[in-house]
């Protein structure tokens, strides 16, 4: 069974979503992962797309963005992002689900600036609702490629707060909920240490070594005592992903690592 690194990321992320959960869904791979969860093990999960669209079933057409017309057609509600913020403020959102440009060892996420923000090298899209999702949802899922330049000891700018400097930082600054629950990458899954809140390798993808993960991590990697190998996608999961992304626009790999199991 052949599958791409991106397909494995989508599958692993989808499995983090439980049935009946309320999820605020970011763009690109989070759309596919949430839709996959709905089509498989979490049919009663509710998805609020951060542009204000609420759907009970995935779009039957390919989506470049969450605001595409097929995502509007058949939706239950088209509202404003402001109404989604009210849900967050009331503690009614179980999962925030976003991507990121940089993340550090305490799960702080940068989607704003590369370099000093006063003399920035690269201006990124910014927060959107990311800061609110990270601050107010019960837990945050983050999905991104695993590269040393992106997984840094300290991000250049905190757009969406994780665990700050670690330990009880969120409680100390008054954030009532949340923090990164799982970081999903093309090499494995990382979760926060219960005490220090530093991200640790919790699951490693097939055919990936711990040394490879360390080489692509910008801090000294810590490995969970309960490290597992990420379960491979099932035929049903791959069929569902490919029905949503038939040309592999988001998940085709484009020369990146392919995983093969014989």
C-alpha atoms as a PDB file:
ATOM      1  CA  UNK A   1       0.000   0.000   0.000  1.00  0.00           C
ATOM      2  CA  UNK A   2       1.499   3.322  -1.099  1.00  0.00           C
ATOM      3  CA  UNK A   3       0.700   6.686   0.432  1.00  0.00           C
ATOM      4  CA  UNK A   4       2.352  10.092   0.627  1.00  0.00           C
ATOM      5  CA  UNK A   5       3.690  11.851   3.683  1.00  0.00           C
ATOM      6  CA  UNK A   6       0.868  14.376   3.367  1.00  0.00           C
ATOM      7  CA  UNK A   7      -1.761  11.640   3.297  1.00  0.00           C
ATOM      8  CA  UNK A   8      -0.301  10.135   6.467  1.00  0.00           C
ATOM      9  CA  UNK A   9      -0.338  13.578   8.102  1.00  0.00           C
ATOM     10  CA  UNK A  10      -4.014  14.029   7.210  1.00  0.00           C
ATOM     11  CA  UNK A  11      -4.898  10.588   8.567  1.00  0.00           C
ATOM     12  CA  UNK A  12      -2.948  11.078  11.796  1.00  0.00           C
ATOM     13  CA  UNK A  13      -4.538  14.487  12.332  1.00  0.00           C
ATOM     14  CA  UNK A  14      -8.045  13.220  11.646  1.00  0.00           C
ATOM     15  CA  UNK A  15      -7.649  10.563  14.313  1.00  0.00           C
ATOM     16  CA  UNK A  16      -7.082  13.306  16.894  1.00  0.00           C
ATOM     17  CA  UNK A  17     -10.680  14.477  16.416  1.00  0.00           C
ATOM     18  CA  UNK A  18     -13.309  12.710  18.509  1.00  0.00           C
ATOM     19  CA  UNK A  19     -16.957  12.173  17.691  1.00  0.00           C
ATOM     20  CA  UNK A  20     -19.331  14.955  18.824  1.00  0.00           C
ATOM     21  CA  UNK A  21     -16.497  17.487  19.199  1.00  0.00           C
ATOM     22  CA  UNK A  22     -16.846  21.087  18.042  1.00  0.00           C
ATOM     23  CA  UNK A  23     -13.882  21.947  15.835  1.00  0.00           C
ATOM     24  CA  UNK A  24     -12.803  25.283  14.362  1.00  0.00           C
ATOM     25  CA  UNK A  25     -11.075  24.298  11.138  1.00  0.00           C
ATOM     26  CA  UNK A  26      -8.198  26.154   9.503  1.00  0.00           C
ATOM     27  CA  UNK A  27      -7.397  26.049   5.793  1.00  0.00           C
ATOM     28  CA  UNK A  28      -5.553  23.511   3.596  1.00  0.00           C
ATOM     29  CA  UNK A  29      -4.707  20.195   5.337  1.00  0.00           C
ATOM     30  CA  UNK A  30      -6.985  20.853   8.352  1.00  0.00           C
ATOM     31  CA  UNK A  31      -9.968  20.924   5.947  1.00  0.00           C
ATOM     32  CA  UNK A  32      -9.066  17.472   4.626  1.00  0.00           C
ATOM     33  CA  UNK A  33      -8.328  16.057   8.069  1.00  0.00           C
ATOM     34  CA  UNK A  34     -11.607  17.258   9.559  1.00  0.00           C
ATOM     35  CA  UNK A  35     -13.567  16.016   6.541  1.00  0.00           C
ATOM     36  CA  UNK A  36     -11.855  12.633   6.829  1.00  0.00           C
ATOM     37  CA  UNK A  37     -12.805  12.396  10.504  1.00  0.00           C
ATOM     38  CA  UNK A  38     -16.439  13.138   9.563  1.00  0.00           C
ATOM     39  CA  UNK A  39     -16.379  10.428   6.880  1.00  0.00           C
ATOM     40  CA  UNK A  40     -14.896   7.775   9.165  1.00  0.00           C
ATOM     41  CA  UNK A  41     -14.905   7.717  12.969  1.00  0.00           C
ATOM     42  CA  UNK A  42     -16.436  11.086  13.950  1.00  0.00           C
ATOM     43  CA  UNK A  43     -19.663  11.540  11.974  1.00  0.00           C
ATOM     44  CA  UNK A  44     -21.193  13.763  14.678  1.00  0.00           C
ATOM     45  CA  UNK A  45     -18.307  16.216  14.943  1.00  0.00           C
ATOM     46  CA  UNK A  46     -19.282  19.781  14.034  1.00  0.00           C
ATOM     47  CA  UNK A  47     -16.981  21.905  11.906  1.00  0.00           C
ATOM     48  CA  UNK A  48     -16.843  25.707  12.084  1.00  0.00           C
ATOM     49  CA  UNK A  49     -14.589  27.013   9.311  1.00  0.00           C
ATOM     50  CA  UNK A  50     -12.822  30.144  10.477  1.00  0.00           C
ATOM     51  CA  UNK A  51     -14.358  32.259   7.696  1.00  0.00           C
ATOM     52  CA  UNK A  52     -17.791  31.673   9.283  1.00  0.00           C
ATOM     53  CA  UNK A  53     -19.095  28.600   7.413  1.00  0.00           C
ATOM     54  CA  UNK A  54     -20.669  25.745   9.383  1.00  0.00           C
ATOM     55  CA  UNK A  55     -21.065  22.351   7.738  1.00  0.00           C
ATOM     56  CA  UNK A  56     -22.529  19.029   8.832  1.00  0.00           C
ATOM     57  CA  UNK A  57     -21.058  17.091   5.898  1.00  0.00           C
ATOM     58  CA  UNK A  58     -17.886  17.586   3.822  1.00  0.00           C
ATOM     59  CA  UNK A  59     -18.112  19.318   0.470  1.00  0.00           C
ATOM     60  CA  UNK A  60     -18.443  16.876  -2.420  1.00  0.00           C
ATOM     61  CA  UNK A  61     -16.188  19.054  -4.559  1.00  0.00           C
ATOM     62  CA  UNK A  62     -12.507  19.867  -4.314  1.00  0.00           C
ATOM     63  CA  UNK A  63     -11.648  22.939  -2.214  1.00  0.00           C
ATOM     64  CA  UNK A  64      -8.688  25.273  -2.719  1.00  0.00           C
ATOM     65  CA  UNK A  65      -9.834  27.391   0.234  1.00  0.00           C
ATOM     66  CA  UNK A  66     -12.563  27.178   2.854  1.00  0.00           C
ATOM     67  CA  UNK A  67     -14.340  30.102   1.214  1.00  0.00           C
ATOM     68  CA  UNK A  68     -14.801  28.353  -2.139  1.00  0.00           C
ATOM     69  CA  UNK A  69     -18.361  28.213  -3.488  1.00  0.00           C
ATOM     70  CA  UNK A  70     -18.686  24.407  -3.036  1.00  0.00           C
ATOM     71  CA  UNK A  71     -18.074  24.879   0.677  1.00  0.00           C
ATOM     72  CA  UNK A  72     -20.896  27.419   0.859  1.00  0.00           C
ATOM     73  CA  UNK A  73     -23.327  25.182  -1.013  1.00  0.00           C
ATOM     74  CA  UNK A  74     -25.077  22.860   1.403  1.00  0.00           C
ATOM     75  CA  UNK A  75     -23.700  24.526   4.507  1.00  0.00           C
ATOM     76  CA  UNK A  76     -25.856  24.784   7.626  1.00  0.00           C
ATOM     77  CA  UNK A  77     -24.882  28.366   8.418  1.00  0.00           C
ATOM     78  CA  UNK A  78     -22.872  31.165   6.834  1.00  0.00           C
ATOM     79  CA  UNK A  79     -22.094  33.646   9.576  1.00  0.00           C
ATOM     80  CA  UNK A  80     -19.274  35.939  10.634  1.00  0.00           C
ATOM     81  CA  UNK A  81     -15.991  35.085  12.270  1.00  0.00           C
ATOM     82  CA  UNK A  82     -17.152  37.261  15.162  1.00  0.00           C
ATOM     83  CA  UNK A  83     -19.847  34.709  16.037  1.00  0.00           C
ATOM     84  CA  UNK A  84     -17.194  31.980  16.151  1.00  0.00           C
ATOM     85  CA  UNK A  85     -15.278  34.098  18.639  1.00  0.00           C
ATOM     86  CA  UNK A  86     -18.341  34.191  20.899  1.00  0.00           C
ATOM     87  CA  UNK A  87     -18.336  30.373  20.924  1.00  0.00           C
ATOM     88  CA  UNK A  88     -14.655  30.364  21.854  1.00  0.00           C
ATOM     89  CA  UNK A  89     -15.131  32.900  24.625  1.00  0.00           C
ATOM     90  CA  UNK A  90     -17.890  30.753  26.141  1.00  0.00           C
ATOM     91  CA  UNK A  91     -15.665  27.671  26.156  1.00  0.00           C
ATOM     92  CA  UNK A  92     -17.817  25.800  23.633  1.00  0.00           C
ATOM     93  CA  UNK A  93     -15.032  24.838  21.207  1.00  0.00           C
ATOM     94  CA  UNK A  94     -13.241  21.565  21.850  1.00  0.00           C
ATOM     95  CA  UNK A  95     -10.578  21.798  19.159  1.00  0.00           C
ATOM     96  CA  UNK A  96      -8.823  24.598  17.289  1.00  0.00           C
ATOM     97  CA  UNK A  97      -7.050  23.253  14.204  1.00  0.00           C
ATOM     98  CA  UNK A  98      -4.442  25.344  12.373  1.00  0.00           C
ATOM     99  CA  UNK A  99      -1.163  25.266  10.465  1.00  0.00           C
ATOM    100  CA  UNK A 100       1.910  27.348  11.160  1.00  0.00           C
ATOM    101  CA  UNK A 101       5.110  28.746   9.692  1.00  0.00           C
ATOM    102  CA  UNK A 102       7.174  28.239  12.867  1.00  0.00           C
ATOM    103  CA  UNK A 103       6.588  26.470  16.166  1.00  0.00           C
ATOM    104  CA  UNK A 104       8.921  26.282  19.150  1.00  0.00           C
ATOM    105  CA  UNK A 105       9.532  23.654  21.808  1.00  0.00           C
ATOM    106  CA  UNK A 106       6.724  25.013  23.987  1.00  0.00           C
ATOM    107  CA  UNK A 107       4.173  25.047  21.183  1.00  0.00           C
ATOM    108  CA  UNK A 108       4.181  28.784  20.490  1.00  0.00           C
ATOM    109  CA  UNK A 109       3.251  29.407  16.850  1.00  0.00           C
ATOM    110  CA  UNK A 110       4.388  32.091  14.429  1.00  0.00           C
ATOM    111  CA  UNK A 111       2.373  33.001  11.362  1.00  0.00           C
ATOM    112  CA  UNK A 112       3.327  36.705  11.320  1.00  0.00           C
ATOM    113  CA  UNK A 113       7.000  37.564  10.802  1.00  0.00           C
ATOM    114  CA  UNK A 114      10.313  35.905   9.977  1.00  0.00           C
ATOM    115  CA  UNK A 115      13.060  37.910  11.659  1.00  0.00           C
ATOM    116  CA  UNK A 116      12.630  40.945  13.898  1.00  0.00           C
ATOM    117  CA  UNK A 117       9.107  42.268  13.360  1.00  0.00           C
ATOM    118  CA  UNK A 118      10.439  45.844  13.195  1.00  0.00           C
ATOM    119  CA  UNK A 119      12.802  44.963  10.335  1.00  0.00           C
ATOM    120  CA  UNK A 120      11.176  41.812   9.071  1.00  0.00           C
ATOM    121  CA  UNK A 121      12.705  39.554   6.425  1.00  0.00           C
ATOM    122  CA  UNK A 122       9.376  37.992   5.486  1.00  0.00           C
ATOM    123  CA  UNK A 123       5.854  39.176   6.300  1.00  0.00           C
ATOM    124  CA  UNK A 124       3.516  36.215   6.725  1.00  0.00           C
ATOM    125  CA  UNK A 125      -0.325  36.270   6.602  1.00  0.00           C
ATOM    126  CA  UNK A 126      -0.703  36.951  10.319  1.00  0.00           C
ATOM    127  CA  UNK A 127      -3.142  35.615  12.872  1.00  0.00           C
ATOM    128  CA  UNK A 128      -6.567  35.511  11.271  1.00  0.00           C
ATOM    129  CA  UNK A 129      -8.312  33.795  14.158  1.00  0.00           C
ATOM    130  CA  UNK A 130      -5.249  31.744  15.136  1.00  0.00           C
ATOM    131  CA  UNK A 131      -4.455  33.631  18.327  1.00  0.00           C
ATOM    132  CA  UNK A 132      -8.047  33.235  19.528  1.00  0.00           C
ATOM    133  CA  UNK A 133      -8.167  29.527  18.642  1.00  0.00           C
ATOM    134  CA  UNK A 134      -4.918  28.919  20.524  1.00  0.00           C
ATOM    135  CA  UNK A 135      -6.027  30.973  23.531  1.00  0.00           C
ATOM    136  CA  UNK A 136      -9.596  29.802  24.020  1.00  0.00           C
ATOM    137  CA  UNK A 137     -10.231  26.334  22.557  1.00  0.00           C
ATOM    138  CA  UNK A 138      -9.906  23.351  24.884  1.00  0.00           C
ATOM    139  CA  UNK A 139      -6.928  22.090  22.886  1.00  0.00           C
ATOM    140  CA  UNK A 140      -5.084  22.983  19.709  1.00  0.00           C
ATOM    141  CA  UNK A 141      -4.053  20.747  16.818  1.00  0.00           C
ATOM    142  CA  UNK A 142      -1.216  22.043  14.646  1.00  0.00           C
ATOM    143  CA  UNK A 143      -0.165  20.512  11.327  1.00  0.00           C
ATOM    144  CA  UNK A 144       3.007  21.473   9.435  1.00  0.00           C
ATOM    145  CA  UNK A 145       6.109  20.084   7.737  1.00  0.00           C
ATOM    146  CA  UNK A 146       8.951  19.058  10.029  1.00  0.00           C
ATOM    147  CA  UNK A 147      11.981  21.210   9.157  1.00  0.00           C
ATOM    148  CA  UNK A 148      14.704  22.636  11.383  1.00  0.00           C
ATOM    149  CA  UNK A 149      13.998  26.162  10.160  1.00  0.00           C
ATOM    150  CA  UNK A 150      10.356  25.769  11.177  1.00  0.00           C
ATOM    151  CA  UNK A 151      10.663  23.838  14.472  1.00  0.00           C
ATOM    152  CA  UNK A 152      12.784  26.324  16.399  1.00  0.00           C
ATOM    153  CA  UNK A 153      14.007  26.596  19.959  1.00  0.00           C
ATOM    154  CA  UNK A 154      12.245  29.968  20.058  1.00  0.00           C
ATOM    155  CA  UNK A 155       9.980  31.426  17.382  1.00  0.00           C
ATOM    156  CA  UNK A 156      10.716  34.865  15.944  1.00  0.00           C
ATOM    157  CA  UNK A 157       7.250  36.110  16.908  1.00  0.00           C
ATOM    158  CA  UNK A 158       4.394  34.573  18.889  1.00  0.00           C
ATOM    159  CA  UNK A 159       1.195  34.851  16.886  1.00  0.00           C
ATOM    160  CA  UNK A 160      -0.696  32.037  18.625  1.00  0.00           C
ATOM    161  CA  UNK A 161       0.388  31.256  22.202  1.00  0.00           C
ATOM    162  CA  UNK A 162       1.259  27.731  23.190  1.00  0.00           C
ATOM    163  CA  UNK A 163       2.769  27.174  26.617  1.00  0.00           C
ATOM    164  CA  UNK A 164       4.894  30.345  26.614  1.00  0.00           C
ATOM    165  CA  UNK A 165       8.029  29.504  28.597  1.00  0.00           C
ATOM    166  CA  UNK A 166       6.615  26.199  29.820  1.00  0.00           C
ATOM    167  CA  UNK A 167       5.211  24.775  33.033  1.00  0.00           C
ATOM    168  CA  UNK A 168       2.286  26.879  34.376  1.00  0.00           C
ATOM    169  CA  UNK A 169       2.748  29.820  32.005  1.00  0.00           C
ATOM    170  CA  UNK A 170      -0.783  29.731  30.583  1.00  0.00           C
ATOM    171  CA  UNK A 171      -2.380  29.848  34.015  1.00  0.00           C
ATOM    172  CA  UNK A 172      -0.032  32.636  35.109  1.00  0.00           C
ATOM    173  CA  UNK A 173      -0.995  34.894  32.182  1.00  0.00           C
ATOM    174  CA  UNK A 174      -4.700  34.140  32.495  1.00  0.00           C
ATOM    175  CA  UNK A 175      -5.380  31.835  29.547  1.00  0.00           C
ATOM    176  CA  UNK A 176      -8.265  29.675  30.780  1.00  0.00           C
ATOM    177  CA  UNK A 177      -7.976  26.710  28.426  1.00  0.00           C
ATOM    178  CA  UNK A 178      -5.974  25.123  25.685  1.00  0.00           C
ATOM    179  CA  UNK A 179      -2.440  24.878  24.454  1.00  0.00           C
ATOM    180  CA  UNK A 180      -1.122  22.514  21.819  1.00  0.00           C
ATOM    181  CA  UNK A 181      -2.567  19.049  22.255  1.00  0.00           C
ATOM    182  CA  UNK A 182      -0.745  17.505  19.277  1.00  0.00           C
ATOM    183  CA  UNK A 183       1.702  18.756  16.654  1.00  0.00           C
ATOM    184  CA  UNK A 184       1.325  16.634  13.522  1.00  0.00           C
ATOM    185  CA  UNK A 185       4.226  16.662  11.039  1.00  0.00           C
ATOM    186  CA  UNK A 186       5.473  14.640   8.091  1.00  0.00           C
ATOM    187  CA  UNK A 187       7.853  12.799  10.449  1.00  0.00           C
ATOM    188  CA  UNK A 188       5.726  12.115  13.513  1.00  0.00           C
ATOM    189  CA  UNK A 189       3.469  13.445  16.239  1.00  0.00           C
ATOM    190  CA  UNK A 190       4.615  15.555  19.178  1.00  0.00           C
ATOM    191  CA  UNK A 191       2.710  16.166  22.410  1.00  0.00           C
ATOM    192  CA  UNK A 192       3.504  18.342  25.460  1.00  0.00           C
ATOM    193  CA  UNK A 193       5.185  16.859  28.497  1.00  0.00           C
ATOM    194  CA  UNK A 194       2.547  16.909  31.284  1.00  0.00           C
ATOM    195  CA  UNK A 195       4.849  18.829  33.641  1.00  0.00           C
ATOM    196  CA  UNK A 196       7.257  20.968  31.591  1.00  0.00           C
ATOM    197  CA  UNK A 197       4.919  21.409  28.559  1.00  0.00           C
ATOM    198  CA  UNK A 198       7.892  20.927  26.201  1.00  0.00           C
ATOM    199  CA  UNK A 199       6.899  19.099  23.029  1.00  0.00           C
ATOM    200  CA  UNK A 200       8.106  15.490  22.939  1.00  0.00           C
ATOM    201  CA  UNK A 201       8.109  12.939  20.141  1.00  0.00           C
ATOM    202  CA  UNK A 202       5.130  10.704  20.917  1.00  0.00           C
ATOM    203  CA  UNK A 203       4.662   8.867  17.615  1.00  0.00           C
ATOM    204  CA  UNK A 204       7.123   8.306  14.783  1.00  0.00           C
ATOM    205  CA  UNK A 205       6.042   7.600  11.220  1.00  0.00           C
ATOM    206  CA  UNK A 206       7.022   4.332   9.475  1.00  0.00           C
ATOM    207  CA  UNK A 207      10.501   4.350   7.893  1.00  0.00           C
ATOM    208  CA  UNK A 208      11.523   7.442   9.874  1.00  0.00           C
ATOM    209  CA  UNK A 209      14.328   7.289  12.460  1.00  0.00           C
ATOM    210  CA  UNK A 210      14.648   9.251  15.685  1.00  0.00           C
ATOM    211  CA  UNK A 211      17.917  10.614  14.295  1.00  0.00           C
ATOM    212  CA  UNK A 212      16.072  12.008  11.272  1.00  0.00           C
ATOM    213  CA  UNK A 213      13.538  13.709  13.521  1.00  0.00           C
ATOM    214  CA  UNK A 214      16.344  15.233  15.609  1.00  0.00           C
ATOM    215  CA  UNK A 215      18.163  16.483  12.506  1.00  0.00           C
ATOM    216  CA  UNK A 216      15.034  18.371  11.534  1.00  0.00           C
ATOM    217  CA  UNK A 217      14.238  19.768  14.999  1.00  0.00           C
ATOM    218  CA  UNK A 218      15.742  23.039  16.194  1.00  0.00           C
ATOM    219  CA  UNK A 219      16.072  22.004  19.835  1.00  0.00           C
ATOM    220  CA  UNK A 220      17.339  18.953  21.681  1.00  0.00           C
ATOM    221  CA  UNK A 221      14.634  16.408  20.991  1.00  0.00           C
ATOM    222  CA  UNK A 222      13.011  14.612  23.889  1.00  0.00           C
ATOM    223  CA  UNK A 223      11.280  11.304  23.227  1.00  0.00           C
ATOM    224  CA  UNK A 224       8.249  10.051  25.126  1.00  0.00           C
ATOM    225  CA  UNK A 225       8.698   6.922  27.224  1.00  0.00           C
ATOM    226  CA  UNK A 226       5.610   5.628  25.427  1.00  0.00           C
ATOM    227  CA  UNK A 227       6.814   6.264  21.864  1.00  0.00           C
ATOM    228  CA  UNK A 228       4.800   4.369  19.248  1.00  0.00           C
ATOM    229  CA  UNK A 229       4.900   3.986  15.478  1.00  0.00           C
ATOM    230  CA  UNK A 230       2.149   5.903  13.724  1.00  0.00           C
ATOM    231  CA  UNK A 231      -0.471   3.450  12.383  1.00  0.00           C
ATOM    232  CA  UNK A 232      -0.545   3.506   8.596  1.00  0.00           C
ATOM    233  CA  UNK A 233      -3.609   4.734   6.695  1.00  0.00           C
ATOM    234  CA  UNK A 234      -6.321   2.189   6.019  1.00  0.00           C
ATOM    235  CA  UNK A 235      -7.584   1.628   2.466  1.00  0.00           C
ATOM    236  CA  UNK A 236     -10.853   3.303   3.483  1.00  0.00           C
ATOM    237  CA  UNK A 237      -9.045   6.404   4.774  1.00  0.00           C
ATOM    238  CA  UNK A 238      -6.958   6.709   1.609  1.00  0.00           C
ATOM    239  CA  UNK A 239     -10.036   6.268  -0.572  1.00  0.00           C
ATOM    240  CA  UNK A 240     -11.790   9.063   1.320  1.00  0.00           C
ATOM    241  CA  UNK A 241      -8.804  11.440   1.054  1.00  0.00           C
ATOM    242  CA  UNK A 242      -8.427  10.796  -2.671  1.00  0.00           C
ATOM    243  CA  UNK A 243     -12.126  11.374  -3.246  1.00  0.00           C
ATOM    244  CA  UNK A 244     -11.645  14.879  -1.798  1.00  0.00           C
ATOM    245  CA  UNK A 245      -8.267  15.577  -3.439  1.00  0.00           C
ATOM    246  CA  UNK A 246      -8.314  13.422  -6.591  1.00  0.00           C
ATOM    247  CA  UNK A 247      -5.421  15.211  -8.309  1.00  0.00           C
ATOM    248  CA  UNK A 248      -3.242  15.248  -5.188  1.00  0.00           C
ATOM    249  CA  UNK A 249      -3.112  19.050  -5.107  1.00  0.00           C
ATOM    250  CA  UNK A 250      -2.691  19.078  -1.306  1.00  0.00           C
ATOM    251  CA  UNK A 251      -1.568  15.487  -0.724  1.00  0.00           C
ATOM    252  CA  UNK A 252       0.244  14.388  -3.880  1.00  0.00           C
ATOM    253  CA  UNK A 253       3.710  14.679  -2.407  1.00  0.00           C
ATOM    254  CA  UNK A 254       5.328  16.639  -5.270  1.00  0.00           C
ATOM    255  CA  UNK A 255       8.616  14.781  -4.937  1.00  0.00           C
ATOM    256  CA  UNK A 256       8.544  14.580  -1.153  1.00  0.00           C
ATOM    257  CA  UNK A 257       9.024  11.370   0.763  1.00  0.00           C
ATOM    258  CA  UNK A 258       6.713   8.542  -0.249  1.00  0.00           C
ATOM    259  CA  UNK A 259       5.987   5.742   2.184  1.00  0.00           C
ATOM    260  CA  UNK A 260       5.654   2.208   0.910  1.00  0.00           C
ATOM    261  CA  UNK A 261       4.643  -0.917   2.753  1.00  0.00           C
ATOM    262  CA  UNK A 262       5.048  -4.268   1.015  1.00  0.00           C
END
